[in-house]
């Protein structure tokens, strides 16, 4: 991707790194999630339209929130399971 706006390129790289960091704890494993993340970003590498890039960034932010929600739910269930056994 070579957008005219270098700020967009930095945003894409930033969200890619954030997602890469999040998939370290992915339930199916890092080795499962990393190639899929890379493939998803590389499939959009040729996009030059700034609006499409912005919509891709928004979609990546949504995916990031979904992954975070998955982790919070996993953590909540683990804590709930521990403390429900005490009763």
C-alpha atoms as a PDB file:
ATOM      1  CA  UNK A   1       0.000   0.000   0.000  1.00  0.00           C
ATOM      2  CA  UNK A   2       1.368   3.373  -0.929  1.00  0.00           C
ATOM      3  CA  UNK A   3      -1.240   5.915   0.096  1.00  0.00           C
ATOM      4  CA  UNK A   4      -0.781   9.562  -0.772  1.00  0.00           C
ATOM      5  CA  UNK A   5      -1.259  10.373   2.891  1.00  0.00           C
ATOM      6  CA  UNK A   6       1.645   9.086   5.049  1.00  0.00           C
ATOM      7  CA  UNK A   7      -0.502   9.504   8.175  1.00  0.00           C
ATOM      8  CA  UNK A   8      -2.827   6.777   6.879  1.00  0.00           C
ATOM      9  CA  UNK A   9       0.117   4.464   6.362  1.00  0.00           C
ATOM     10  CA  UNK A  10       1.178   5.025   9.967  1.00  0.00           C
ATOM     11  CA  UNK A  11      -2.365   4.296  11.166  1.00  0.00           C
ATOM     12  CA  UNK A  12      -2.428   1.039   9.207  1.00  0.00           C
ATOM     13  CA  UNK A  13       0.914  -0.032  10.632  1.00  0.00           C
ATOM     14  CA  UNK A  14      -0.192   0.931  14.146  1.00  0.00           C
ATOM     15  CA  UNK A  15      -3.425  -1.074  14.002  1.00  0.00           C
ATOM     16  CA  UNK A  16      -1.568  -4.039  12.478  1.00  0.00           C
ATOM     17  CA  UNK A  17       0.909  -4.014  15.362  1.00  0.00           C
ATOM     18  CA  UNK A  18      -1.887  -3.702  17.914  1.00  0.00           C
ATOM     19  CA  UNK A  19      -3.739  -6.647  16.410  1.00  0.00           C
ATOM     20  CA  UNK A  20      -0.529  -8.643  16.224  1.00  0.00           C
ATOM     21  CA  UNK A  21       0.010  -7.951  19.922  1.00  0.00           C
ATOM     22  CA  UNK A  22      -3.543  -9.017  20.755  1.00  0.00           C
ATOM     23  CA  UNK A  23      -3.418 -12.305  18.866  1.00  0.00           C
ATOM     24  CA  UNK A  24      -0.573 -13.529  21.063  1.00  0.00           C
ATOM     25  CA  UNK A  25      -3.253 -14.723  23.503  1.00  0.00           C
ATOM     26  CA  UNK A  26      -5.770 -15.843  20.861  1.00  0.00           C
ATOM     27  CA  UNK A  27      -7.604 -19.024  21.958  1.00  0.00           C
ATOM     28  CA  UNK A  28      -6.614 -20.972  18.841  1.00  0.00           C
ATOM     29  CA  UNK A  29      -3.007 -19.854  19.192  1.00  0.00           C
ATOM     30  CA  UNK A  30      -0.641 -17.297  17.757  1.00  0.00           C
ATOM     31  CA  UNK A  31       0.415 -19.660  14.979  1.00  0.00           C
ATOM     32  CA  UNK A  32      -3.221 -19.833  13.854  1.00  0.00           C
ATOM     33  CA  UNK A  33      -4.055 -16.128  14.066  1.00  0.00           C
ATOM     34  CA  UNK A  34      -0.887 -14.429  12.801  1.00  0.00           C
ATOM     35  CA  UNK A  35      -0.939 -15.819   9.231  1.00  0.00           C
ATOM     36  CA  UNK A  36      -4.628 -14.939   8.920  1.00  0.00           C
ATOM     37  CA  UNK A  37      -3.996 -11.410  10.140  1.00  0.00           C
ATOM     38  CA  UNK A  38      -1.104 -11.014   7.715  1.00  0.00           C
ATOM     39  CA  UNK A  39      -3.194 -12.393   4.852  1.00  0.00           C
ATOM     40  CA  UNK A  40      -6.060 -10.007   5.661  1.00  0.00           C
ATOM     41  CA  UNK A  41      -3.772  -6.986   5.579  1.00  0.00           C
ATOM     42  CA  UNK A  42      -1.866  -8.108   2.490  1.00  0.00           C
ATOM     43  CA  UNK A  43      -5.108  -8.656   0.578  1.00  0.00           C
ATOM     44  CA  UNK A  44      -5.722  -4.916   0.920  1.00  0.00           C
ATOM     45  CA  UNK A  45      -2.145  -3.843   0.172  1.00  0.00           C
ATOM     46  CA  UNK A  46      -2.966  -2.504  -3.278  1.00  0.00           C
ATOM     47  CA  UNK A  47      -5.751  -0.190  -2.150  1.00  0.00           C
ATOM     48  CA  UNK A  48      -4.952   3.437  -2.994  1.00  0.00           C
ATOM     49  CA  UNK A  49      -8.291   5.128  -2.327  1.00  0.00           C
ATOM     50  CA  UNK A  50      -8.111   7.006   0.977  1.00  0.00           C
ATOM     51  CA  UNK A  51     -11.772   6.336   1.803  1.00  0.00           C
ATOM     52  CA  UNK A  52     -11.286   2.587   1.384  1.00  0.00           C
ATOM     53  CA  UNK A  53      -8.182   2.736   3.565  1.00  0.00           C
ATOM     54  CA  UNK A  54     -10.094   4.634   6.243  1.00  0.00           C
ATOM     55  CA  UNK A  55     -12.933   2.105   6.137  1.00  0.00           C
ATOM     56  CA  UNK A  56     -10.372  -0.696   6.438  1.00  0.00           C
ATOM     57  CA  UNK A  57      -8.884   0.996   9.496  1.00  0.00           C
ATOM     58  CA  UNK A  58     -12.364   1.269  11.023  1.00  0.00           C
ATOM     59  CA  UNK A  59     -12.974  -2.424  10.317  1.00  0.00           C
ATOM     60  CA  UNK A  60      -9.636  -3.303  11.949  1.00  0.00           C
ATOM     61  CA  UNK A  61     -10.576  -1.203  15.010  1.00  0.00           C
ATOM     62  CA  UNK A  62     -13.840  -3.145  15.215  1.00  0.00           C
ATOM     63  CA  UNK A  63     -11.981  -6.455  15.059  1.00  0.00           C
ATOM     64  CA  UNK A  64      -9.620  -5.197  17.763  1.00  0.00           C
ATOM     65  CA  UNK A  65     -12.580  -4.406  20.035  1.00  0.00           C
ATOM     66  CA  UNK A  66     -14.077  -7.826  19.350  1.00  0.00           C
ATOM     67  CA  UNK A  67     -10.838  -9.575  20.292  1.00  0.00           C
ATOM     68  CA  UNK A  68     -10.579  -7.487  23.473  1.00  0.00           C
ATOM     69  CA  UNK A  69     -14.170  -8.382  24.347  1.00  0.00           C
ATOM     70  CA  UNK A  70     -13.346 -12.047  23.813  1.00  0.00           C
ATOM     71  CA  UNK A  71     -10.439 -11.768  26.262  1.00  0.00           C
ATOM     72  CA  UNK A  72     -12.525  -9.934  28.860  1.00  0.00           C
ATOM     73  CA  UNK A  73     -15.213 -12.590  28.587  1.00  0.00           C
ATOM     74  CA  UNK A  74     -12.630 -15.344  28.995  1.00  0.00           C
ATOM     75  CA  UNK A  75     -11.208 -13.593  32.054  1.00  0.00           C
ATOM     76  CA  UNK A  76     -14.662 -13.022  33.533  1.00  0.00           C
ATOM     77  CA  UNK A  77     -15.599 -16.670  33.086  1.00  0.00           C
ATOM     78  CA  UNK A  78     -12.370 -17.834  34.707  1.00  0.00           C
ATOM     79  CA  UNK A  79     -12.878 -15.555  37.710  1.00  0.00           C
ATOM     80  CA  UNK A  80     -16.523 -16.479  37.988  1.00  0.00           C
ATOM     81  CA  UNK A  81     -15.652 -20.165  37.898  1.00  0.00           C
ATOM     82  CA  UNK A  82     -13.093 -19.738  40.680  1.00  0.00           C
ATOM     83  CA  UNK A  83     -15.338 -17.772  42.995  1.00  0.00           C
ATOM     84  CA  UNK A  84     -18.510 -19.769  42.376  1.00  0.00           C
ATOM     85  CA  UNK A  85     -16.750 -22.867  43.700  1.00  0.00           C
ATOM     86  CA  UNK A  86     -16.181 -21.161  47.085  1.00  0.00           C
ATOM     87  CA  UNK A  87     -19.903 -20.790  47.876  1.00  0.00           C
END
